[in-house]
Amino acid sequence: TSFGGLLNALSEAYPAMPEKLLWRLARNYGTRTSMILGGAQTPADLGS
């Protein structure tokens, strides 16, 4: 019931990532979103 809380936590951890990207990743991967984003700070850090 607290998807918004997960999304807020991701937004705080990755402030330079687009909100729409974080929303899609969180909806698809939940808490494993951090396994994808890792140490990336911007979309350019995510590779091709």
ModelCIF file with pLDDT and N, C-alpha, C, O atoms, coordinates in Angstrom:
data_MODEL
#
_entry.id   MODEL 
#
_entity.id                         1 
_entity.type                       polymer 
_entity.pdbx_number_of_molecules   1 
#
_entity_poly.entity_id                      1 
_entity_poly.type                           'polypeptide(L)' 
_entity_poly.nstd_linkage                   no 
_entity_poly.nstd_monomer                   no 
_entity_poly.pdbx_seq_one_letter_code       TSFGGLLNALSEAYPAMPEKLLWRLARNYGTRTSMILGGAQTPADLGS 
_entity_poly.pdbx_seq_one_letter_code_can   TSFGGLLNALSEAYPAMPEKLLWRLARNYGTRTSMILGGAQTPADLGS 
_entity_poly.pdbx_strand_id                 A 
#
loop_
_entity_poly_seq.entity_id 
_entity_poly_seq.num 
_entity_poly_seq.mon_id 
_entity_poly_seq.hetero 
1 1  THR n 
1 2  SER n 
1 3  PHE n 
1 4  GLY n 
1 5  GLY n 
1 6  LEU n 
1 7  LEU n 
1 8  ASN n 
1 9  ALA n 
1 10 LEU n 
1 11 SER n 
1 12 GLU n 
1 13 ALA n 
1 14 TYR n 
1 15 PRO n 
1 16 ALA n 
1 17 MET n 
1 18 PRO n 
1 19 GLU n 
1 20 LYS n 
1 21 LEU n 
1 22 LEU n 
1 23 TRP n 
1 24 ARG n 
1 25 LEU n 
1 26 ALA n 
1 27 ARG n 
1 28 ASN n 
1 29 TYR n 
1 30 GLY n 
1 31 THR n 
1 32 ARG n 
1 33 THR n 
1 34 SER n 
1 35 MET n 
1 36 ILE n 
1 37 LEU n 
1 38 GLY n 
1 39 GLY n 
1 40 ALA n 
1 41 GLN n 
1 42 THR n 
1 43 PRO n 
1 44 ALA n 
1 45 ASP n 
1 46 LEU n 
1 47 GLY n 
1 48 SER n 
#
_struct_asym.id          A 
_struct_asym.entity_id   1 
#
loop_
_ma_qa_metric.id 
_ma_qa_metric.mode 
_ma_qa_metric.name 
_ma_qa_metric.software_group_id 
_ma_qa_metric.type 
1 global pLDDT . pLDDT 
2 local  pLDDT . pLDDT 
#
_ma_qa_metric_global.metric_id      1 
_ma_qa_metric_global.metric_value   96.21 
_ma_qa_metric_global.model_id       1 
_ma_qa_metric_global.ordinal_id     1 
#
loop_
_ma_qa_metric_local.label_asym_id 
_ma_qa_metric_local.label_comp_id 
_ma_qa_metric_local.label_seq_id 
_ma_qa_metric_local.metric_id 
_ma_qa_metric_local.metric_value 
_ma_qa_metric_local.model_id 
_ma_qa_metric_local.ordinal_id 
A THR 1  2 89.00 1 1  
A SER 2  2 91.00 1 2  
A PHE 3  2 94.00 1 3  
A GLY 4  2 94.00 1 4  
A GLY 5  2 96.00 1 5  
A LEU 6  2 96.00 1 6  
A LEU 7  2 96.00 1 7  
A ASN 8  2 97.00 1 8  
A ALA 9  2 96.00 1 9  
A LEU 10 2 97.00 1 10 
A SER 11 2 97.00 1 11 
A GLU 12 2 97.00 1 12 
A ALA 13 2 97.00 1 13 
A TYR 14 2 97.00 1 14 
A PRO 15 2 97.00 1 15 
A ALA 16 2 97.00 1 16 
A MET 17 2 97.00 1 17 
A PRO 18 2 97.00 1 18 
A GLU 19 2 96.00 1 19 
A LYS 20 2 94.00 1 20 
A LEU 21 2 97.00 1 21 
A LEU 22 2 97.00 1 22 
A TRP 23 2 95.00 1 23 
A ARG 24 2 96.00 1 24 
A LEU 25 2 97.00 1 25 
A ALA 26 2 97.00 1 26 
A ARG 27 2 94.00 1 27 
A ASN 28 2 95.00 1 28 
A TYR 29 2 97.00 1 29 
A GLY 30 2 97.00 1 30 
A THR 31 2 97.00 1 31 
A ARG 32 2 98.00 1 32 
A THR 33 2 98.00 1 33 
A SER 34 2 96.00 1 34 
A MET 35 2 97.00 1 35 
A ILE 36 2 98.00 1 36 
A LEU 37 2 98.00 1 37 
A GLY 38 2 96.00 1 38 
A GLY 39 2 96.00 1 39 
A ALA 40 2 97.00 1 40 
A GLN 41 2 94.00 1 41 
A THR 42 2 96.00 1 42 
A PRO 43 2 97.00 1 43 
A ALA 44 2 97.00 1 44 
A ASP 45 2 98.00 1 45 
A LEU 46 2 98.00 1 46 
A GLY 47 2 97.00 1 47 
A SER 48 2 96.00 1 48 
#
loop_
_atom_site.group_PDB 
_atom_site.id 
_atom_site.type_symbol 
_atom_site.label_atom_id 
_atom_site.label_alt_id 
_atom_site.label_comp_id 
_atom_site.label_asym_id 
_atom_site.label_entity_id 
_atom_site.label_seq_id 
_atom_site.pdbx_PDB_ins_code 
_atom_site.Cartn_x 
_atom_site.Cartn_y 
_atom_site.Cartn_z 
_atom_site.occupancy 
_atom_site.B_iso_or_equiv 
_atom_site.pdbx_formal_charge 
_atom_site.auth_seq_id 
_atom_site.auth_comp_id 
_atom_site.auth_asym_id 
_atom_site.auth_atom_id 
_atom_site.pdbx_PDB_model_num 
ATOM 1   N N  . THR A 1 1  ? 0.816  -1.222 0.000   1.00 89.00 ? 1  THR A N  1 
ATOM 2   C CA . THR A 1 1  ? 0.000  0.000  0.000   1.00 89.00 ? 1  THR A CA 1 
ATOM 3   C C  . THR A 1 1  ? 0.844  1.264  0.000   1.00 89.00 ? 1  THR A C  1 
ATOM 4   O O  . THR A 1 1  ? 0.301  2.369  -0.005  1.00 89.00 ? 1  THR A O  1 
ATOM 5   N N  . SER A 1 2  ? 2.172  1.116  0.005   1.00 91.00 ? 2  SER A N  1 
ATOM 6   C CA . SER A 1 2  ? 3.032  2.302  0.096   1.00 91.00 ? 2  SER A CA 1 
ATOM 7   C C  . SER A 1 2  ? 4.028  2.360  -1.053  1.00 91.00 ? 2  SER A C  1 
ATOM 8   O O  . SER A 1 2  ? 5.220  2.589  -0.848  1.00 91.00 ? 2  SER A O  1 
ATOM 9   N N  . PHE A 1 3  ? 3.518  2.149  -2.274  1.00 94.00 ? 3  PHE A N  1 
ATOM 10  C CA . PHE A 1 3  ? 4.381  2.292  -3.435  1.00 94.00 ? 3  PHE A CA 1 
ATOM 11  C C  . PHE A 1 3  ? 4.977  3.698  -3.491  1.00 94.00 ? 3  PHE A C  1 
ATOM 12  O O  . PHE A 1 3  ? 6.119  3.883  -3.911  1.00 94.00 ? 3  PHE A O  1 
ATOM 13  N N  . GLY A 1 4  ? 4.196  4.675  -3.066  1.00 94.00 ? 4  GLY A N  1 
ATOM 14  C CA . GLY A 1 4  ? 4.701  6.050  -3.052  1.00 94.00 ? 4  GLY A CA 1 
ATOM 15  C C  . GLY A 1 4  ? 5.934  6.191  -2.178  1.00 94.00 ? 4  GLY A C  1 
ATOM 16  O O  . GLY A 1 4  ? 6.846  6.952  -2.499  1.00 94.00 ? 4  GLY A O  1 
ATOM 17  N N  . GLY A 1 5  ? 5.961  5.453  -1.066  1.00 96.00 ? 5  GLY A N  1 
ATOM 18  C CA . GLY A 1 5  ? 7.130  5.510  -0.193  1.00 96.00 ? 5  GLY A CA 1 
ATOM 19  C C  . GLY A 1 5  ? 8.363  4.945  -0.867  1.00 96.00 ? 5  GLY A C  1 
ATOM 20  O O  . GLY A 1 5  ? 9.454  5.501  -0.734  1.00 96.00 ? 5  GLY A O  1 
ATOM 21  N N  . LEU A 1 6  ? 8.199  3.827  -1.601  1.00 96.00 ? 6  LEU A N  1 
ATOM 22  C CA . LEU A 1 6  ? 9.319  3.251  -2.341  1.00 96.00 ? 6  LEU A CA 1 
ATOM 23  C C  . LEU A 1 6  ? 9.809  4.230  -3.395  1.00 96.00 ? 6  LEU A C  1 
ATOM 24  O O  . LEU A 1 6  ? 11.015 4.420  -3.560  1.00 96.00 ? 6  LEU A O  1 
ATOM 25  N N  . LEU A 1 7  ? 8.873  4.855  -4.111  1.00 96.00 ? 7  LEU A N  1 
ATOM 26  C CA . LEU A 1 7  ? 9.247  5.799  -5.151  1.00 96.00 ? 7  LEU A CA 1 
ATOM 27  C C  . LEU A 1 7  ? 9.956  7.024  -4.566  1.00 96.00 ? 7  LEU A C  1 
ATOM 28  O O  . LEU A 1 7  ? 10.911 7.529  -5.157  1.00 96.00 ? 7  LEU A O  1 
ATOM 29  N N  . ASN A 1 8  ? 9.497  7.497  -3.421  1.00 97.00 ? 8  ASN A N  1 
ATOM 30  C CA . ASN A 1 8  ? 10.153 8.637  -2.770  1.00 97.00 ? 8  ASN A CA 1 
ATOM 31  C C  . ASN A 1 8  ? 11.569 8.292  -2.357  1.00 97.00 ? 8  ASN A C  1 
ATOM 32  O O  . ASN A 1 8  ? 12.479 9.109  -2.497  1.00 97.00 ? 8  ASN A O  1 
ATOM 33  N N  . ALA A 1 9  ? 11.758 7.076  -1.846  1.00 96.00 ? 9  ALA A N  1 
ATOM 34  C CA . ALA A 1 9  ? 13.102 6.655  -1.437  1.00 96.00 ? 9  ALA A CA 1 
ATOM 35  C C  . ALA A 1 9  ? 14.042 6.597  -2.635  1.00 96.00 ? 9  ALA A C  1 
ATOM 36  O O  . ALA A 1 9  ? 15.204 6.991  -2.534  1.00 96.00 ? 9  ALA A O  1 
ATOM 37  N N  . LEU A 1 10 ? 13.547 6.111  -3.760  1.00 97.00 ? 10 LEU A N  1 
ATOM 38  C CA . LEU A 1 10 ? 14.371 6.065  -4.971  1.00 97.00 ? 10 LEU A CA 1 
ATOM 39  C C  . LEU A 1 10 ? 14.671 7.473  -5.467  1.00 97.00 ? 10 LEU A C  1 
ATOM 40  O O  . LEU A 1 10 ? 15.781 7.748  -5.922  1.00 97.00 ? 10 LEU A O  1 
ATOM 41  N N  . SER A 1 11 ? 13.702 8.355  -5.385  1.00 97.00 ? 11 SER A N  1 
ATOM 42  C CA . SER A 1 11 ? 13.914 9.742  -5.831  1.00 97.00 ? 11 SER A CA 1 
ATOM 43  C C  . SER A 1 11 ? 14.971 10.438 -4.980  1.00 97.00 ? 11 SER A C  1 
ATOM 44  O O  . SER A 1 11 ? 15.758 11.235 -5.490  1.00 97.00 ? 11 SER A O  1 
ATOM 45  N N  . GLU A 1 12 ? 14.989 10.139 -3.691  1.00 97.00 ? 12 GLU A N  1 
ATOM 46  C CA . GLU A 1 12 ? 15.996 10.727 -2.803  1.00 97.00 ? 12 GLU A CA 1 
ATOM 47  C C  . GLU A 1 12 ? 17.373 10.144 -3.083  1.00 97.00 ? 12 GLU A C  1 
ATOM 48  O O  . GLU A 1 12 ? 18.375 10.857 -3.025  1.00 97.00 ? 12 GLU A O  1 
ATOM 49  N N  . ALA A 1 13 ? 17.427 8.837  -3.390  1.00 97.00 ? 13 ALA A N  1 
ATOM 50  C CA . ALA A 1 13 ? 18.714 8.189  -3.659  1.00 97.00 ? 13 ALA A CA 1 
ATOM 51  C C  . ALA A 1 13 ? 19.256 8.557  -5.036  1.00 97.00 ? 13 ALA A C  1 
ATOM 52  O O  . ALA A 1 13 ? 20.469 8.584  -5.244  1.00 97.00 ? 13 ALA A O  1 
ATOM 53  N N  . TYR A 1 14 ? 18.336 8.845  -5.994  1.00 97.00 ? 14 TYR A N  1 
ATOM 54  C CA . TYR A 1 14 ? 18.747 9.150  -7.367  1.00 97.00 ? 14 TYR A CA 1 
ATOM 55  C C  . TYR A 1 14 ? 18.060 10.430 -7.825  1.00 97.00 ? 14 TYR A C  1 
ATOM 56  O O  . TYR A 1 14 ? 17.204 10.387 -8.708  1.00 97.00 ? 14 TYR A O  1 
ATOM 57  N N  . PRO A 1 15 ? 18.423 11.568 -7.235  1.00 97.00 ? 15 PRO A N  1 
ATOM 58  C CA . PRO A 1 15 ? 17.707 12.827 -7.512  1.00 97.00 ? 15 PRO A CA 1 
ATOM 59  C C  . PRO A 1 15 ? 17.820 13.300 -8.956  1.00 97.00 ? 15 PRO A C  1 
ATOM 60  O O  . PRO A 1 15 ? 16.957 14.047 -9.417  1.00 97.00 ? 15 PRO A O  1 
ATOM 61  N N  . ALA A 1 16 ? 18.853 12.891 -9.683  1.00 97.00 ? 16 ALA A N  1 
ATOM 62  C CA . ALA A 1 16 ? 19.028 13.354 -11.061 1.00 97.00 ? 16 ALA A CA 1 
ATOM 63  C C  . ALA A 1 16 ? 18.374 12.426 -12.081 1.00 97.00 ? 16 ALA A C  1 
ATOM 64  O O  . ALA A 1 16 ? 18.421 12.695 -13.282 1.00 97.00 ? 16 ALA A O  1 
ATOM 65  N N  . MET A 1 17 ? 17.769 11.343 -11.618 1.00 97.00 ? 17 MET A N  1 
ATOM 66  C CA . MET A 1 17 ? 17.085 10.423 -12.530 1.00 97.00 ? 17 MET A CA 1 
ATOM 67  C C  . MET A 1 17 ? 15.673 10.936 -12.818 1.00 97.00 ? 17 MET A C  1 
ATOM 68  O O  . MET A 1 17 ? 14.997 11.407 -11.902 1.00 97.00 ? 17 MET A O  1 
ATOM 69  N N  . PRO A 1 18 ? 15.218 10.857 -14.055 1.00 97.00 ? 18 PRO A N  1 
ATOM 70  C CA . PRO A 1 18 ? 13.859 11.316 -14.385 1.00 97.00 ? 18 PRO A CA 1 
ATOM 71  C C  . PRO A 1 18 ? 12.811 10.571 -13.568 1.00 97.00 ? 18 PRO A C  1 
ATOM 72  O O  . PRO A 1 18 ? 12.910 9.360  -13.370 1.00 97.00 ? 18 PRO A O  1 
ATOM 73  N N  . GLU A 1 19 ? 11.820 11.295 -13.101 1.00 96.00 ? 19 GLU A N  1 
ATOM 74  C CA . GLU A 1 19 ? 10.774 10.689 -12.270 1.00 96.00 ? 19 GLU A CA 1 
ATOM 75  C C  . GLU A 1 19 ? 10.028 9.599  -13.016 1.00 96.00 ? 19 GLU A C  1 
ATOM 76  O O  . GLU A 1 19 ? 9.670  8.579  -12.428 1.00 96.00 ? 19 GLU A O  1 
ATOM 77  N N  . LYS A 1 20 ? 9.789  9.803  -14.313 1.00 94.00 ? 20 LYS A N  1 
ATOM 78  C CA . LYS A 1 20 ? 9.050  8.810  -15.090 1.00 94.00 ? 20 LYS A CA 1 
ATOM 79  C C  . LYS A 1 20 ? 9.837  7.500  -15.203 1.00 94.00 ? 20 LYS A C  1 
ATOM 80  O O  . LYS A 1 20 ? 9.247  6.420  -15.181 1.00 94.00 ? 20 LYS A O  1 
ATOM 81  N N  . LEU A 1 21 ? 11.169 7.591  -15.323 1.00 97.00 ? 21 LEU A N  1 
ATOM 82  C CA . LEU A 1 21 ? 11.999 6.389  -15.369 1.00 97.00 ? 21 LEU A CA 1 
ATOM 83  C C  . LEU A 1 21 ? 11.951 5.649  -14.043 1.00 97.00 ? 21 LEU A C  1 
ATOM 84  O O  . LEU A 1 21 ? 11.781 4.430  -14.006 1.00 97.00 ? 21 LEU A O  1 
ATOM 85  N N  . LEU A 1 22 ? 12.103 6.399  -12.946 1.00 97.00 ? 22 LEU A N  1 
ATOM 86  C CA . LEU A 1 22 ? 12.060 5.761  -11.630 1.00 97.00 ? 22 LEU A CA 1 
ATOM 87  C C  . LEU A 1 22 ? 10.712 5.101  -11.382 1.00 97.00 ? 22 LEU A C  1 
ATOM 88  O O  . LEU A 1 22 ? 10.645 4.022  -10.793 1.00 97.00 ? 22 LEU A O  1 
ATOM 89  N N  . TRP A 1 23 ? 9.631  5.749  -11.830 1.00 95.00 ? 23 TRP A N  1 
ATOM 90  C CA . TRP A 1 23 ? 8.299  5.169  -11.640 1.00 95.00 ? 23 TRP A CA 1 
ATOM 91  C C  . TRP A 1 23 ? 8.188  3.835  -12.368 1.00 95.00 ? 23 TRP A C  1 
ATOM 92  O O  . TRP A 1 23 ? 7.713  2.851  -11.801 1.00 95.00 ? 23 TRP A O  1 
ATOM 93  N N  . ARG A 1 24 ? 8.627  3.801  -13.626 1.00 96.00 ? 24 ARG A N  1 
ATOM 94  C CA . ARG A 1 24 ? 8.526  2.556  -14.402 1.00 96.00 ? 24 ARG A CA 1 
ATOM 95  C C  . ARG A 1 24 ? 9.393  1.454  -13.796 1.00 96.00 ? 24 ARG A C  1 
ATOM 96  O O  . ARG A 1 24 ? 8.948  0.313  -13.671 1.00 96.00 ? 24 ARG A O  1 
ATOM 97  N N  . LEU A 1 25 ? 10.620 1.788  -13.422 1.00 97.00 ? 25 LEU A N  1 
ATOM 98  C CA . LEU A 1 25 ? 11.499 0.782  -12.835 1.00 97.00 ? 25 LEU A CA 1 
ATOM 99  C C  . LEU A 1 25 ? 10.930 0.253  -11.526 1.00 97.00 ? 25 LEU A C  1 
ATOM 100 O O  . LEU A 1 25 ? 10.960 -0.952 -11.275 1.00 97.00 ? 25 LEU A O  1 
ATOM 101 N N  . ALA A 1 26 ? 10.414 1.143  -10.695 1.00 97.00 ? 26 ALA A N  1 
ATOM 102 C CA . ALA A 1 26 ? 9.854  0.712  -9.413  1.00 97.00 ? 26 ALA A CA 1 
ATOM 103 C C  . ALA A 1 26 ? 8.628  -0.174 -9.616  1.00 97.00 ? 26 ALA A C  1 
ATOM 104 O O  . ALA A 1 26 ? 8.437  -1.145 -8.884  1.00 97.00 ? 26 ALA A O  1 
ATOM 105 N N  . ARG A 1 27 ? 7.798  0.155  -10.606 1.00 94.00 ? 27 ARG A N  1 
ATOM 106 C CA . ARG A 1 27 ? 6.611  -0.655 -10.873 1.00 94.00 ? 27 ARG A CA 1 
ATOM 107 C C  . ARG A 1 27 ? 6.981  -2.039 -11.397 1.00 94.00 ? 27 ARG A C  1 
ATOM 108 O O  . ARG A 1 27 ? 6.275  -3.012 -11.132 1.00 94.00 ? 27 ARG A O  1 
ATOM 109 N N  . ASN A 1 28 ? 8.071  -2.130 -12.130 1.00 95.00 ? 28 ASN A N  1 
ATOM 110 C CA . ASN A 1 28 ? 8.495  -3.408 -12.708 1.00 95.00 ? 28 ASN A CA 1 
ATOM 111 C C  . ASN A 1 28 ? 9.363  -4.225 -11.762 1.00 95.00 ? 28 ASN A C  1 
ATOM 112 O O  . ASN A 1 28 ? 9.230  -5.448 -11.710 1.00 95.00 ? 28 ASN A O  1 
ATOM 113 N N  . TYR A 1 29 ? 10.245 -3.580 -11.020 1.00 97.00 ? 29 TYR A N  1 
ATOM 114 C CA . TYR A 1 29 ? 11.271 -4.302 -10.274 1.00 97.00 ? 29 TYR A CA 1 
ATOM 115 C C  . TYR A 1 29 ? 11.213 -4.093 -8.765  1.00 97.00 ? 29 TYR A C  1 
ATOM 116 O O  . TYR A 1 29 ? 11.955 -4.746 -8.031  1.00 97.00 ? 29 TYR A O  1 
ATOM 117 N N  . GLY A 1 30 ? 10.357 -3.206 -8.290  1.00 97.00 ? 30 GLY A N  1 
ATOM 118 C CA . GLY A 1 30 ? 10.238 -2.978 -6.860  1.00 97.00 ? 30 GLY A CA 1 
ATOM 119 C C  . GLY A 1 30 ? 11.566 -2.603 -6.228  1.00 97.00 ? 30 GLY A C  1 
ATOM 120 O O  . GLY A 1 30 ? 12.283 -1.737 -6.729  1.00 97.00 ? 30 GLY A O  1 
ATOM 121 N N  . THR A 1 31 ? 11.889 -3.265 -5.116  1.00 97.00 ? 31 THR A N  1 
ATOM 122 C CA . THR A 1 31 ? 13.111 -2.931 -4.381  1.00 97.00 ? 31 THR A CA 1 
ATOM 123 C C  . THR A 1 31 ? 14.371 -3.331 -5.150  1.00 97.00 ? 31 THR A C  1 
ATOM 124 O O  . THR A 1 31 ? 15.472 -2.914 -4.787  1.00 97.00 ? 31 THR A O  1 
ATOM 125 N N  . ARG A 1 32 ? 14.222 -4.134 -6.208  1.00 98.00 ? 32 ARG A N  1 
ATOM 126 C CA . ARG A 1 32 ? 15.391 -4.532 -6.993  1.00 98.00 ? 32 ARG A CA 1 
ATOM 127 C C  . ARG A 1 32 ? 15.785 -3.467 -8.013  1.00 98.00 ? 32 ARG A C  1 
ATOM 128 O O  . ARG A 1 32 ? 16.735 -3.655 -8.774  1.00 98.00 ? 32 ARG A O  1 
ATOM 129 N N  . THR A 1 33 ? 15.069 -2.369 -8.029  1.00 98.00 ? 33 THR A N  1 
ATOM 130 C CA . THR A 1 33 ? 15.448 -1.255 -8.897  1.00 98.00 ? 33 THR A CA 1 
ATOM 131 C C  . THR A 1 33 ? 16.880 -0.823 -8.623  1.00 98.00 ? 33 THR A C  1 
ATOM 132 O O  . THR A 1 33 ? 17.605 -0.448 -9.544  1.00 98.00 ? 33 THR A O  1 
ATOM 133 N N  . SER A 1 34 ? 17.292 -0.875 -7.356  1.00 96.00 ? 34 SER A N  1 
ATOM 134 C CA . SER A 1 34 ? 18.655 -0.455 -7.007  1.00 96.00 ? 34 SER A CA 1 
ATOM 135 C C  . SER A 1 34 ? 19.700 -1.385 -7.606  1.00 96.00 ? 34 SER A C  1 
ATOM 136 O O  . SER A 1 34 ? 20.845 -0.974 -7.794  1.00 96.00 ? 34 SER A O  1 
ATOM 137 N N  . MET A 1 35 ? 19.331 -2.643 -7.915  1.00 97.00 ? 35 MET A N  1 
ATOM 138 C CA . MET A 1 35 ? 20.268 -3.553 -8.575  1.00 97.00 ? 35 MET A CA 1 
ATOM 139 C C  . MET A 1 35 ? 20.549 -3.084 -10.005 1.00 97.00 ? 35 MET A C  1 
ATOM 140 O O  . MET A 1 35 ? 21.626 -3.336 -10.544 1.00 97.00 ? 35 MET A O  1 
ATOM 141 N N  . ILE A 1 36 ? 19.585 -2.407 -10.610 1.00 98.00 ? 36 ILE A N  1 
ATOM 142 C CA . ILE A 1 36 ? 19.756 -1.889 -11.966 1.00 98.00 ? 36 ILE A CA 1 
ATOM 143 C C  . ILE A 1 36 ? 20.502 -0.563 -11.939 1.00 98.00 ? 36 ILE A C  1 
ATOM 144 O O  . ILE A 1 36 ? 21.437 -0.347 -12.711 1.00 98.00 ? 36 ILE A O  1 
ATOM 145 N N  . LEU A 1 37 ? 20.081 0.318  -11.047 1.00 98.00 ? 37 LEU A N  1 
ATOM 146 C CA . LEU A 1 37 ? 20.671 1.659  -11.028 1.00 98.00 ? 37 LEU A CA 1 
ATOM 147 C C  . LEU A 1 37 ? 22.068 1.673  -10.417 1.00 98.00 ? 37 LEU A C  1 
ATOM 148 O O  . LEU A 1 37 ? 22.929 2.437  -10.853 1.00 98.00 ? 37 LEU A O  1 
ATOM 149 N N  . GLY A 1 38 ? 22.297 0.834  -9.411  1.00 96.00 ? 38 GLY A N  1 
ATOM 150 C CA . GLY A 1 38 ? 23.624 0.756  -8.804  1.00 96.00 ? 38 GLY A CA 1 
ATOM 151 C C  . GLY A 1 38 ? 24.131 2.117  -8.380  1.00 96.00 ? 38 GLY A C  1 
ATOM 152 O O  . GLY A 1 38 ? 23.451 2.849  -7.661  1.00 96.00 ? 38 GLY A O  1 
ATOM 153 N N  . GLY A 1 39 ? 25.338 2.454  -8.831  1.00 96.00 ? 39 GLY A N  1 
ATOM 154 C CA . GLY A 1 39 ? 25.936 3.733  -8.474  1.00 96.00 ? 39 GLY A CA 1 
ATOM 155 C C  . GLY A 1 39 ? 25.670 4.832  -9.482  1.00 96.00 ? 39 GLY A C  1 
ATOM 156 O O  . GLY A 1 39 ? 26.260 5.908  -9.382  1.00 96.00 ? 39 GLY A O  1 
ATOM 157 N N  . ALA A 1 40 ? 24.809 4.597  -10.439 1.00 97.00 ? 40 ALA A N  1 
ATOM 158 C CA . ALA A 1 40 ? 24.508 5.603  -11.464 1.00 97.00 ? 40 ALA A CA 1 
ATOM 159 C C  . ALA A 1 40 ? 23.810 6.803  -10.829 1.00 97.00 ? 40 ALA A C  1 
ATOM 160 O O  . ALA A 1 40 ? 23.042 6.656  -9.879  1.00 97.00 ? 40 ALA A O  1 
ATOM 161 N N  . GLN A 1 41 ? 24.083 7.971  -11.357 1.00 94.00 ? 41 GLN A N  1 
ATOM 162 C CA . GLN A 1 41 ? 23.437 9.184  -10.875 1.00 94.00 ? 41 GLN A CA 1 
ATOM 163 C C  . GLN A 1 41 ? 22.573 9.845  -11.941 1.00 94.00 ? 41 GLN A C  1 
ATOM 164 O O  . GLN A 1 41 ? 21.611 10.540 -11.615 1.00 94.00 ? 41 GLN A O  1 
ATOM 165 N N  . THR A 1 42 ? 22.906 9.635  -13.205 1.00 96.00 ? 42 THR A N  1 
ATOM 166 C CA . THR A 1 42 ? 22.143 10.203 -14.312 1.00 96.00 ? 42 THR A CA 1 
ATOM 167 C C  . THR A 1 42 ? 21.877 9.113  -15.344 1.00 96.00 ? 42 THR A C  1 
ATOM 168 O O  . THR A 1 42 ? 22.542 8.077  -15.317 1.00 96.00 ? 42 THR A O  1 
ATOM 169 N N  . PRO A 1 43 ? 20.923 9.318  -16.254 1.00 97.00 ? 43 PRO A N  1 
ATOM 170 C CA . PRO A 1 43 ? 20.685 8.318  -17.299 1.00 97.00 ? 43 PRO A CA 1 
ATOM 171 C C  . PRO A 1 43 ? 21.933 7.992  -18.106 1.00 97.00 ? 43 PRO A C  1 
ATOM 172 O O  . PRO A 1 43 ? 22.090 6.862  -18.567 1.00 97.00 ? 43 PRO A O  1 
ATOM 173 N N  . ALA A 1 44 ? 22.807 8.947  -18.280 1.00 97.00 ? 44 ALA A N  1 
ATOM 174 C CA . ALA A 1 44 ? 24.039 8.709  -19.049 1.00 97.00 ? 44 ALA A CA 1 
ATOM 175 C C  . ALA A 1 44 ? 24.918 7.658  -18.377 1.00 97.00 ? 44 ALA A C  1 
ATOM 176 O O  . ALA A 1 44 ? 25.707 6.987  -19.042 1.00 97.00 ? 44 ALA A O  1 
ATOM 177 N N  . ASP A 1 45 ? 24.783 7.517  -17.061 1.00 98.00 ? 45 ASP A N  1 
ATOM 178 C CA . ASP A 1 45 ? 25.575 6.530  -16.330 1.00 98.00 ? 45 ASP A CA 1 
ATOM 179 C C  . ASP A 1 45 ? 25.050 5.103  -16.504 1.00 98.00 ? 45 ASP A C  1 
ATOM 180 O O  . ASP A 1 45 ? 25.687 4.150  -16.056 1.00 98.00 ? 45 ASP A O  1 
ATOM 181 N N  . LEU A 1 46 ? 23.890 4.954  -17.154 1.00 98.00 ? 46 LEU A N  1 
ATOM 182 C CA . LEU A 1 46 ? 23.263 3.642  -17.304 1.00 98.00 ? 46 LEU A CA 1 
ATOM 183 C C  . LEU A 1 46 ? 23.691 2.923  -18.574 1.00 98.00 ? 46 LEU A C  1 
ATOM 184 O O  . LEU A 1 46 ? 23.178 1.846  -18.878 1.00 98.00 ? 46 LEU A O  1 
ATOM 185 N N  . GLY A 1 47 ? 24.628 3.507  -19.319 1.00 97.00 ? 47 GLY A N  1 
ATOM 186 C CA . GLY A 1 47 ? 25.142 2.852  -20.519 1.00 97.00 ? 47 GLY A CA 1 
ATOM 187 C C  . GLY A 1 47 ? 24.345 3.190  -21.759 1.00 97.00 ? 47 GLY A C  1 
ATOM 188 O O  . GLY A 1 47 ? 23.615 4.182  -21.791 1.00 97.00 ? 47 GLY A O  1 
ATOM 189 N N  . SER A 1 48 ? 24.487 2.366  -22.775 1.00 96.00 ? 48 SER A N  1 
ATOM 190 C CA . SER A 1 48 ? 23.865 2.622  -24.077 1.00 96.00 ? 48 SER A CA 1 
ATOM 191 C C  . SER A 1 48 ? 22.358 2.815  -23.937 1.00 96.00 ? 48 SER A C  1 
ATOM 192 O O  . SER A 1 48 ? 21.670 3.040  -24.932 1.00 96.00 ? 48 SER A O  1 
#
